[in-house]
Full PDB file with SEQRES, HELIX, SHEET, SSBOND, CRYST1, ORIGX, SCALE, CONECT and MASTER records, all heavy atoms in Angstrom:
SEQRES   1 A   38  PRO CYS ALA LEU LEU GLY PRO ALA ASP ARG SER ALA ALA          
SEQRES   2 A   38  GLY LEU THR SER PRO GLY VAL ALA LYS ARG VAL GLY GLU          
SEQRES   3 A   38  ALA SER ALA CYS ASP TYR THR GLU PRO GLY THR PHE              
HELIX    1 AA1 PRO A    7  ALA A   12  1                                   6    
SHEET    1 AA1 2 VAL A  20  VAL A  24  0                                        
SHEET    2 AA1 2 ALA A  27  ASP A  31 -1                                        
SSBOND   1 CYS A    2    CYS A   30                          1555   1555  2.05  
CRYST1    1.000    1.000    1.000  90.00  90.00  90.00 P 1           1          
ORIGX1      1.000000  0.000000  0.000000        0.00000                         
ORIGX2      0.000000  1.000000  0.000000        0.00000                         
ORIGX3      0.000000  0.000000  1.000000        0.00000                         
SCALE1      1.000000  0.000000  0.000000        0.00000                         
SCALE2      0.000000  1.000000  0.000000        0.00000                         
SCALE3      0.000000  0.000000  1.000000        0.00000                         
ATOM      1  N   PRO A   1     162.852 -28.518 -40.561  1.00  0.00           N  
ATOM      2  CA  PRO A   1     163.176 -27.096 -40.647  1.00  0.00           C  
ATOM      3  C   PRO A   1     163.765 -26.518 -39.366  1.00  0.00           C  
ATOM      4  O   PRO A   1     164.551 -25.578 -39.420  1.00  0.00           O  
ATOM      5  CB  PRO A   1     161.841 -26.434 -40.993  1.00  0.00           C  
ATOM      6  CG  PRO A   1     160.798 -27.438 -40.718  1.00  0.00           C  
ATOM      7  CD  PRO A   1     161.435 -28.786 -40.783  1.00  0.00           C  
ATOM      8  N   CYS A   2     163.445 -27.082 -38.208  1.00  0.00           N  
ATOM      9  CA  CYS A   2     164.008 -26.581 -36.952  1.00  0.00           C  
ATOM     10  C   CYS A   2     165.449 -27.036 -36.736  1.00  0.00           C  
ATOM     11  O   CYS A   2     166.151 -26.490 -35.892  1.00  0.00           O  
ATOM     12  CB  CYS A   2     163.134 -26.996 -35.763  1.00  0.00           C  
ATOM     13  SG  CYS A   2     161.563 -26.102 -35.683  1.00  0.00           S  
ATOM     14  N   ALA A   3     165.896 -28.023 -37.492  1.00  0.00           N  
ATOM     15  CA  ALA A   3     167.269 -28.503 -37.368  1.00  0.00           C  
ATOM     16  C   ALA A   3     168.216 -27.794 -38.331  1.00  0.00           C  
ATOM     17  O   ALA A   3     169.422 -28.018 -38.284  1.00  0.00           O  
ATOM     18  CB  ALA A   3     167.316 -30.009 -37.624  1.00  0.00           C  
ATOM     19  N   LEU A   4     167.693 -26.925 -39.182  1.00  0.00           N  
ATOM     20  CA  LEU A   4     168.530 -26.256 -40.179  1.00  0.00           C  
ATOM     21  C   LEU A   4     169.386 -25.135 -39.591  1.00  0.00           C  
ATOM     22  O   LEU A   4     170.409 -24.781 -40.159  1.00  0.00           O  
ATOM     23  CB  LEU A   4     167.674 -25.720 -41.329  1.00  0.00           C  
ATOM     24  CG  LEU A   4     167.025 -26.795 -42.197  1.00  0.00           C  
ATOM     25  CD1 LEU A   4     166.074 -26.165 -43.212  1.00  0.00           C  
ATOM     26  CD2 LEU A   4     168.080 -27.649 -42.895  1.00  0.00           C  
ATOM     27  N   LEU A   5     168.980 -24.571 -38.455  1.00  0.00           N  
ATOM     28  CA  LEU A   5     169.765 -23.528 -37.784  1.00  0.00           C  
ATOM     29  C   LEU A   5     170.228 -24.028 -36.424  1.00  0.00           C  
ATOM     30  O   LEU A   5     169.410 -24.255 -35.534  1.00  0.00           O  
ATOM     31  CB  LEU A   5     168.930 -22.257 -37.574  1.00  0.00           C  
ATOM     32  CG  LEU A   5     168.610 -21.387 -38.769  1.00  0.00           C  
ATOM     33  CD1 LEU A   5     167.720 -20.221 -38.355  1.00  0.00           C  
ATOM     34  CD2 LEU A   5     169.873 -20.875 -39.440  1.00  0.00           C  
ATOM     35  N   GLY A   6     171.522 -24.214 -36.275  1.00  0.00           N  
ATOM     36  CA  GLY A   6     172.073 -24.560 -34.975  1.00  0.00           C  
ATOM     37  C   GLY A   6     172.234 -23.303 -34.132  1.00  0.00           C  
ATOM     38  O   GLY A   6     171.960 -22.188 -34.590  1.00  0.00           O  
ATOM     39  N   PRO A   7     172.678 -23.439 -32.888  1.00  0.00           N  
ATOM     40  CA  PRO A   7     172.822 -22.284 -32.001  1.00  0.00           C  
ATOM     41  C   PRO A   7     173.715 -21.175 -32.568  1.00  0.00           C  
ATOM     42  O   PRO A   7     173.377 -19.997 -32.467  1.00  0.00           O  
ATOM     43  CB  PRO A   7     173.419 -22.883 -30.721  1.00  0.00           C  
ATOM     44  CG  PRO A   7     172.976 -24.315 -30.745  1.00  0.00           C  
ATOM     45  CD  PRO A   7     172.968 -24.698 -32.200  1.00  0.00           C  
ATOM     46  N   ALA A   8     174.851 -21.525 -33.159  1.00  0.00           N  
ATOM     47  CA  ALA A   8     175.744 -20.503 -33.722  1.00  0.00           C  
ATOM     48  C   ALA A   8     175.078 -19.797 -34.900  1.00  0.00           C  
ATOM     49  O   ALA A   8     175.225 -18.579 -35.064  1.00  0.00           O  
ATOM     50  CB  ALA A   8     177.065 -21.131 -34.151  1.00  0.00           C  
ATOM     51  N   ASP A   9     174.335 -20.563 -35.716  1.00  0.00           N  
ATOM     52  CA  ASP A   9     173.620 -19.964 -36.846  1.00  0.00           C  
ATOM     53  C   ASP A   9     172.542 -19.003 -36.363  1.00  0.00           C  
ATOM     54  O   ASP A   9     172.380 -17.914 -36.909  1.00  0.00           O  
ATOM     55  CB  ASP A   9     172.956 -21.049 -37.710  1.00  0.00           C  
ATOM     56  CG  ASP A   9     173.962 -21.975 -38.351  1.00  0.00           C  
ATOM     57  OD1 ASP A   9     175.059 -21.514 -38.719  1.00  0.00           O  
ATOM     58  OD2 ASP A   9     173.643 -23.173 -38.487  1.00  0.00           O  
ATOM     59  N   ARG A  10     171.801 -19.427 -35.356  1.00  0.00           N  
ATOM     60  CA  ARG A  10     170.760 -18.544 -34.809  1.00  0.00           C  
ATOM     61  C   ARG A  10     171.379 -17.242 -34.324  1.00  0.00           C  
ATOM     62  O   ARG A  10     170.850 -16.154 -34.575  1.00  0.00           O  
ATOM     63  CB  ARG A  10     169.991 -19.233 -33.677  1.00  0.00           C  
ATOM     64  CG  ARG A  10     169.069 -20.334 -34.161  1.00  0.00           C  
ATOM     65  CD  ARG A  10     168.086 -20.784 -33.090  1.00  0.00           C  
ATOM     66  NE  ARG A  10     168.668 -21.043 -31.789  1.00  0.00           N  
ATOM     67  CZ  ARG A  10     169.108 -22.223 -31.380  1.00  0.00           C  
ATOM     68  NH1 ARG A  10     169.048 -23.268 -32.189  1.00  0.00           N  
ATOM     69  NH2 ARG A  10     169.604 -22.371 -30.167  1.00  0.00           N  
ATOM     70  N   SER A  11     172.489 -17.348 -33.629  1.00  0.00           N  
ATOM     71  CA  SER A  11     173.168 -16.151 -33.134  1.00  0.00           C  
ATOM     72  C   SER A  11     173.598 -15.253 -34.297  1.00  0.00           C  
ATOM     73  O   SER A  11     173.395 -14.041 -34.248  1.00  0.00           O  
ATOM     74  CB  SER A  11     174.382 -16.566 -32.298  1.00  0.00           C  
ATOM     75  OG  SER A  11     175.054 -15.419 -31.826  1.00  0.00           O  
ATOM     76  N   ALA A  12     174.152 -15.837 -35.340  1.00  0.00           N  
ATOM     77  CA  ALA A  12     174.579 -15.062 -36.519  1.00  0.00           C  
ATOM     78  C   ALA A  12     173.402 -14.373 -37.200  1.00  0.00           C  
ATOM     79  O   ALA A  12     173.559 -13.312 -37.811  1.00  0.00           O  
ATOM     80  CB  ALA A  12     175.308 -15.971 -37.511  1.00  0.00           C  
ATOM     81  N   ALA A  13     172.208 -14.962 -37.089  1.00  0.00           N  
ATOM     82  CA  ALA A  13     171.010 -14.393 -37.708  1.00  0.00           C  
ATOM     83  C   ALA A  13     170.275 -13.437 -36.765  1.00  0.00           C  
ATOM     84  O   ALA A  13     169.234 -12.886 -37.133  1.00  0.00           O  
ATOM     85  CB  ALA A  13     170.066 -15.517 -38.138  1.00  0.00           C  
ATOM     86  N   GLY A  14     170.793 -13.248 -35.554  1.00  0.00           N  
ATOM     87  CA  GLY A  14     170.139 -12.354 -34.605  1.00  0.00           C  
ATOM     88  C   GLY A  14     168.984 -12.999 -33.862  1.00  0.00           C  
ATOM     89  O   GLY A  14     168.137 -12.312 -33.304  1.00  0.00           O  
ATOM     90  N   LEU A  15     168.957 -14.335 -33.845  1.00  0.00           N  
ATOM     91  CA  LEU A  15     167.893 -15.078 -33.176  1.00  0.00           C  
ATOM     92  C   LEU A  15     168.431 -15.631 -31.857  1.00  0.00           C  
ATOM     93  O   LEU A  15     169.482 -16.269 -31.833  1.00  0.00           O  
ATOM     94  CB  LEU A  15     167.392 -16.216 -34.059  1.00  0.00           C  
ATOM     95  CG  LEU A  15     166.799 -15.780 -35.398  1.00  0.00           C  
ATOM     96  CD1 LEU A  15     166.654 -16.968 -36.344  1.00  0.00           C  
ATOM     97  CD2 LEU A  15     165.462 -15.095 -35.173  1.00  0.00           C  
ATOM     98  N   THR A  16     167.721 -15.409 -30.769  1.00  0.00           N  
ATOM     99  CA  THR A  16     168.214 -15.812 -29.457  1.00  0.00           C  
ATOM    100  C   THR A  16     167.570 -17.074 -28.907  1.00  0.00           C  
ATOM    101  O   THR A  16     168.031 -17.604 -27.900  1.00  0.00           O  
ATOM    102  CB  THR A  16     168.010 -14.660 -28.439  1.00  0.00           C  
ATOM    103  OG1 THR A  16     166.617 -14.334 -28.390  1.00  0.00           O  
ATOM    104  CG2 THR A  16     168.814 -13.436 -28.826  1.00  0.00           C  
ATOM    105  N   SER A  17     166.520 -17.564 -29.544  1.00  0.00           N  
ATOM    106  CA  SER A  17     165.808 -18.731 -29.021  1.00  0.00           C  
ATOM    107  C   SER A  17     165.663 -19.805 -30.089  1.00  0.00           C  
ATOM    108  O   SER A  17     165.609 -19.497 -31.280  1.00  0.00           O  
ATOM    109  CB  SER A  17     164.398 -18.321 -28.568  1.00  0.00           C  
ATOM    110  OG  SER A  17     164.467 -17.343 -27.580  1.00  0.00           O  
ATOM    111  N   PRO A  18     165.550 -21.070 -29.663  1.00  0.00           N  
ATOM    112  CA  PRO A  18     165.274 -22.143 -30.625  1.00  0.00           C  
ATOM    113  C   PRO A  18     163.917 -21.917 -31.286  1.00  0.00           C  
ATOM    114  O   PRO A  18     163.062 -21.206 -30.759  1.00  0.00           O  
ATOM    115  CB  PRO A  18     165.233 -23.403 -29.759  1.00  0.00           C  
ATOM    116  CG  PRO A  18     165.959 -23.051 -28.513  1.00  0.00           C  
ATOM    117  CD  PRO A  18     165.716 -21.582 -28.306  1.00  0.00           C  
ATOM    118  N   GLY A  19     163.748 -22.533 -32.434  1.00  0.00           N  
ATOM    119  CA  GLY A  19     162.492 -22.412 -33.159  1.00  0.00           C  
ATOM    120  C   GLY A  19     161.399 -23.289 -32.588  1.00  0.00           C  
ATOM    121  O   GLY A  19     161.642 -24.180 -31.775  1.00  0.00           O  
ATOM    122  N   VAL A  20     160.185 -23.018 -33.038  1.00  0.00           N  
ATOM    123  CA  VAL A  20     159.004 -23.781 -32.641  1.00  0.00           C  
ATOM    124  C   VAL A  20     158.440 -24.451 -33.893  1.00  0.00           C  
ATOM    125  O   VAL A  20     158.117 -23.776 -34.880  1.00  0.00           O  
ATOM    126  CB  VAL A  20     157.938 -22.854 -31.997  1.00  0.00           C  
ATOM    127  CG1 VAL A  20     156.678 -23.641 -31.665  1.00  0.00           C  
ATOM    128  CG2 VAL A  20     158.499 -22.174 -30.760  1.00  0.00           C  
ATOM    129  N   ALA A  21     158.336 -25.770 -33.862  1.00  0.00           N  
ATOM    130  CA  ALA A  21     157.820 -26.534 -35.010  1.00  0.00           C  
ATOM    131  C   ALA A  21     156.349 -26.218 -35.229  1.00  0.00           C  
ATOM    132  O   ALA A  21     155.591 -26.013 -34.268  1.00  0.00           O  
ATOM    133  CB  ALA A  21     158.004 -28.029 -34.765  1.00  0.00           C  
ATOM    134  N   LYS A  22     155.945 -26.148 -36.494  1.00  0.00           N  
ATOM    135  CA  LYS A  22     154.542 -25.904 -36.848  1.00  0.00           C  
ATOM    136  C   LYS A  22     154.294 -26.425 -38.260  1.00  0.00           C  
ATOM    137  O   LYS A  22     155.193 -26.974 -38.879  1.00  0.00           O  
ATOM    138  CB  LYS A  22     154.201 -24.416 -36.748  1.00  0.00           C  
ATOM    139  CG  LYS A  22     154.996 -23.538 -37.722  1.00  0.00           C  
ATOM    140  CD  LYS A  22     154.580 -22.105 -37.651  1.00  0.00           C  
ATOM    141  CE  LYS A  22     153.658 -21.819 -38.800  1.00  0.00           C  
ATOM    142  NZ  LYS A  22     153.066 -20.548 -38.845  1.00  0.00           N  
ATOM    143  N   ARG A  23     153.105 -26.238 -38.748  1.00  0.00           N  
ATOM    144  CA  ARG A  23     152.740 -26.612 -40.111  1.00  0.00           C  
ATOM    145  C   ARG A  23     152.248 -25.361 -40.832  1.00  0.00           C  
ATOM    146  O   ARG A  23     151.552 -24.535 -40.255  1.00  0.00           O  
ATOM    147  CB  ARG A  23     151.623 -27.650 -40.136  1.00  0.00           C  
ATOM    148  CG  ARG A  23     151.850 -28.879 -39.325  1.00  0.00           C  
ATOM    149  CD  ARG A  23     152.600 -30.014 -39.875  1.00  0.00           C  
ATOM    150  NE  ARG A  23     152.273 -30.484 -41.187  1.00  0.00           N  
ATOM    151  CZ  ARG A  23     153.131 -31.189 -41.916  1.00  0.00           C  
ATOM    152  NH1 ARG A  23     154.311 -31.474 -41.441  1.00  0.00           N  
ATOM    153  NH2 ARG A  23     152.810 -31.616 -43.093  1.00  0.00           N  
ATOM    154  N   VAL A  24     152.617 -25.224 -42.087  1.00  0.00           N  
ATOM    155  CA  VAL A  24     152.064 -24.203 -42.978  1.00  0.00           C  
ATOM    156  C   VAL A  24     151.393 -25.006 -44.086  1.00  0.00           C  
ATOM    157  O   VAL A  24     152.066 -25.551 -44.953  1.00  0.00           O  
ATOM    158  CB  VAL A  24     153.146 -23.268 -43.543  1.00  0.00           C  
ATOM    159  CG1 VAL A  24     152.546 -22.312 -44.565  1.00  0.00           C  
ATOM    160  CG2 VAL A  24     153.824 -22.488 -42.425  1.00  0.00           C  
ATOM    161  N   GLY A  25     150.091 -25.148 -43.998  1.00  0.00           N  
ATOM    162  CA  GLY A  25     149.382 -26.047 -44.901  1.00  0.00           C  
ATOM    163  C   GLY A  25     149.852 -27.454 -44.634  1.00  0.00           C  
ATOM    164  O   GLY A  25     149.829 -27.935 -43.499  1.00  0.00           O  
ATOM    165  N   GLU A  26     150.339 -28.137 -45.667  1.00  0.00           N  
ATOM    166  CA  GLU A  26     150.853 -29.500 -45.521  1.00  0.00           C  
ATOM    167  C   GLU A  26     152.351 -29.540 -45.261  1.00  0.00           C  
ATOM    168  O   GLU A  26     152.923 -30.608 -45.074  1.00  0.00           O  
ATOM    169  CB  GLU A  26     150.533 -30.303 -46.795  1.00  0.00           C  
ATOM    170  CG  GLU A  26     149.050 -30.498 -47.030  1.00  0.00           C  
ATOM    171  CD  GLU A  26     148.387 -31.291 -45.915  1.00  0.00           C  
ATOM    172  OE1 GLU A  26     148.943 -32.320 -45.481  1.00  0.00           O  
ATOM    173  OE2 GLU A  26     147.315 -30.858 -45.461  1.00  0.00           O  
ATOM    174  N   ALA A  27     153.000 -28.390 -45.261  1.00  0.00           N  
ATOM    175  CA  ALA A  27     154.455 -28.334 -45.146  1.00  0.00           C  
ATOM    176  C   ALA A  27     154.910 -28.184 -43.698  1.00  0.00           C  
ATOM    177  O   ALA A  27     154.248 -27.542 -42.883  1.00  0.00           O  
ATOM    178  CB  ALA A  27     154.980 -27.165 -45.973  1.00  0.00           C  
ATOM    179  N   SER A  28     156.074 -28.765 -43.395  1.00  0.00           N  
ATOM    180  CA  SER A  28     156.701 -28.590 -42.087  1.00  0.00           C  
ATOM    181  C   SER A  28     157.367 -27.227 -42.055  1.00  0.00           C  
ATOM    182  O   SER A  28     157.962 -26.791 -43.032  1.00  0.00           O  
ATOM    183  CB  SER A  28     157.771 -29.654 -41.858  1.00  0.00           C  
ATOM    184  OG  SER A  28     157.190 -30.929 -41.825  1.00  0.00           O  
ATOM    185  N   ALA A  29     157.288 -26.572 -40.914  1.00  0.00           N  
ATOM    186  CA  ALA A  29     157.883 -25.248 -40.774  1.00  0.00           C  
ATOM    187  C   ALA A  29     158.427 -25.076 -39.366  1.00  0.00           C  
ATOM    188  O   ALA A  29     158.150 -25.868 -38.469  1.00  0.00           O  
ATOM    189  CB  ALA A  29     156.837 -24.173 -41.075  1.00  0.00           C  
ATOM    190  N   CYS A  30     159.216 -24.027 -39.187  1.00  0.00           N  
ATOM    191  CA  CYS A  30     159.779 -23.693 -37.894  1.00  0.00           C  
ATOM    192  C   CYS A  30     159.742 -22.180 -37.740  1.00  0.00           C  
ATOM    193  O   CYS A  30     160.214 -21.453 -38.613  1.00  0.00           O  
ATOM    194  CB  CYS A  30     161.214 -24.211 -37.800  1.00  0.00           C  
ATOM    195  SG  CYS A  30     161.892 -24.128 -36.123  1.00  0.00           S  
ATOM    196  N   ASP A  31     159.159 -21.712 -36.646  1.00  0.00           N  
ATOM    197  CA  ASP A  31     159.067 -20.281 -36.343  1.00  0.00           C  
ATOM    198  C   ASP A  31     160.130 -19.881 -35.333  1.00  0.00           C  
ATOM    199  O   ASP A  31     160.325 -20.555 -34.316  1.00  0.00           O  
ATOM    200  CB  ASP A  31     157.703 -19.961 -35.709  1.00  0.00           C  
ATOM    201  CG  ASP A  31     156.659 -19.574 -36.721  1.00  0.00           C  
ATOM    202  OD1 ASP A  31     157.013 -19.182 -37.843  1.00  0.00           O  
ATOM    203  OD2 ASP A  31     155.471 -19.658 -36.383  1.00  0.00           O  
ATOM    204  N   TYR A  32     160.781 -18.765 -35.620  1.00  0.00           N  
ATOM    205  CA  TYR A  32     161.726 -18.134 -34.706  1.00  0.00           C  
ATOM    206  C   TYR A  32     161.222 -16.721 -34.486  1.00  0.00           C  
ATOM    207  O   TYR A  32     160.889 -16.029 -35.446  1.00  0.00           O  
ATOM    208  CB  TYR A  32     163.129 -18.070 -35.313  1.00  0.00           C  
ATOM    209  CG  TYR A  32     163.725 -19.418 -35.611  1.00  0.00           C  
ATOM    210  CD1 TYR A  32     163.490 -20.047 -36.832  1.00  0.00           C  
ATOM    211  CD2 TYR A  32     164.530 -20.052 -34.681  1.00  0.00           C  
ATOM    212  CE1 TYR A  32     164.043 -21.285 -37.107  1.00  0.00           C  
ATOM    213  CE2 TYR A  32     165.087 -21.296 -34.952  1.00  0.00           C  
ATOM    214  CZ  TYR A  32     164.840 -21.899 -36.168  1.00  0.00           C  
ATOM    215  OH  TYR A  32     165.389 -23.126 -36.442  1.00  0.00           O  
ATOM    216  N   THR A  33     161.190 -16.280 -33.234  1.00  0.00           N  
ATOM    217  CA  THR A  33     160.650 -14.955 -32.939  1.00  0.00           C  
ATOM    218  C   THR A  33     161.587 -14.176 -32.036  1.00  0.00           C  
ATOM    219  O   THR A  33     162.065 -14.699 -31.022  1.00  0.00           O  
ATOM    220  CB  THR A  33     159.278 -15.076 -32.245  1.00  0.00           C  
ATOM    221  OG1 THR A  33     158.400 -15.811 -33.098  1.00  0.00           O  
ATOM    222  CG2 THR A  33     158.676 -13.719 -31.967  1.00  0.00           C  
ATOM    223  N   GLU A  34     161.839 -12.952 -32.419  1.00  0.00           N  
ATOM    224  CA  GLU A  34     162.508 -11.982 -31.571  1.00  0.00           C  
ATOM    225  C   GLU A  34     161.435 -10.960 -31.216  1.00  0.00           C  
ATOM    226  O   GLU A  34     161.140 -10.070 -32.024  1.00  0.00           O  
ATOM    227  CB  GLU A  34     163.688 -11.325 -32.302  1.00  0.00           C  
ATOM    228  CG  GLU A  34     164.880 -12.234 -32.462  1.00  0.00           C  
ATOM    229  CD  GLU A  34     165.388 -12.779 -31.138  1.00  0.00           C  
ATOM    230  OE1 GLU A  34     165.637 -11.976 -30.207  1.00  0.00           O  
ATOM    231  OE2 GLU A  34     165.517 -14.006 -31.015  1.00  0.00           O  
ATOM    232  N   PRO A  35     160.790 -11.107 -30.053  1.00  0.00           N  
ATOM    233  CA  PRO A  35     159.655 -10.262 -29.694  1.00  0.00           C  
ATOM    234  C   PRO A  35     159.949  -8.768 -29.869  1.00  0.00           C  
ATOM    235  O   PRO A  35     160.996  -8.282 -29.456  1.00  0.00           O  
ATOM    236  CB  PRO A  35     159.396 -10.598 -28.226  1.00  0.00           C  
ATOM    237  CG  PRO A  35     159.924 -12.001 -28.078  1.00  0.00           C  
ATOM    238  CD  PRO A  35     161.134 -12.039 -28.974  1.00  0.00           C  
ATOM    239  N   GLY A  36     159.011  -8.105 -30.517  1.00  0.00           N  
ATOM    240  CA  GLY A  36     159.121  -6.673 -30.745  1.00  0.00           C  
ATOM    241  C   GLY A  36     160.068  -6.281 -31.853  1.00  0.00           C  
ATOM    242  O   GLY A  36     160.235  -5.105 -32.145  1.00  0.00           O  
ATOM    243  N   THR A  37     160.717  -7.260 -32.507  1.00  0.00           N  
ATOM    244  CA  THR A  37     161.702  -6.953 -33.539  1.00  0.00           C  
ATOM    245  C   THR A  37     161.341  -7.601 -34.868  1.00  0.00           C  
ATOM    246  O   THR A  37     160.994  -6.915 -35.819  1.00  0.00           O  
ATOM    247  CB  THR A  37     163.114  -7.402 -33.098  1.00  0.00           C  
ATOM    248  OG1 THR A  37     163.389  -6.878 -31.802  1.00  0.00           O  
ATOM    249  CG2 THR A  37     164.168  -6.911 -34.061  1.00  0.00           C  
ATOM    250  N   PHE A  38     161.450  -8.934 -34.941  1.00  0.00           N  
ATOM    251  CA  PHE A  38     161.163  -9.638 -36.183  1.00  0.00           C  
ATOM    252  C   PHE A  38     160.951 -11.116 -35.922  1.00  0.00           C  
ATOM    253  O   PHE A  38     161.228 -11.611 -34.833  1.00  0.00           O  
ATOM    254  CB  PHE A  38     162.283  -9.443 -37.221  1.00  0.00           C  
ATOM    255  CG  PHE A  38     163.567 -10.189 -36.924  1.00  0.00           C  
ATOM    256  CD1 PHE A  38     163.865 -11.353 -37.616  1.00  0.00           C  
ATOM    257  CD2 PHE A  38     164.465  -9.731 -35.978  1.00  0.00           C  
ATOM    258  CE1 PHE A  38     165.045 -12.042 -37.364  1.00  0.00           C  
ATOM    259  CE2 PHE A  38     165.642 -10.404 -35.715  1.00  0.00           C  
ATOM    260  CZ  PHE A  38     165.935 -11.564 -36.414  1.00  0.00           C  
TER     261      PHE A  38                                                      
CONECT   13  195                                                                
CONECT  195   13                                                                
MASTER        0    0    0    1    2    0    0    6  260    1    2    3          
END                                                                             
């Protein structure tokens, strides 16, 4: 999931930082955070 958004994609989505890998239950996930925004 962290490889699905490249740098240009993150920029287009308003995301300025790479994602952080995590798990949601048994599923792989990636968190992106814009502090104070979304």
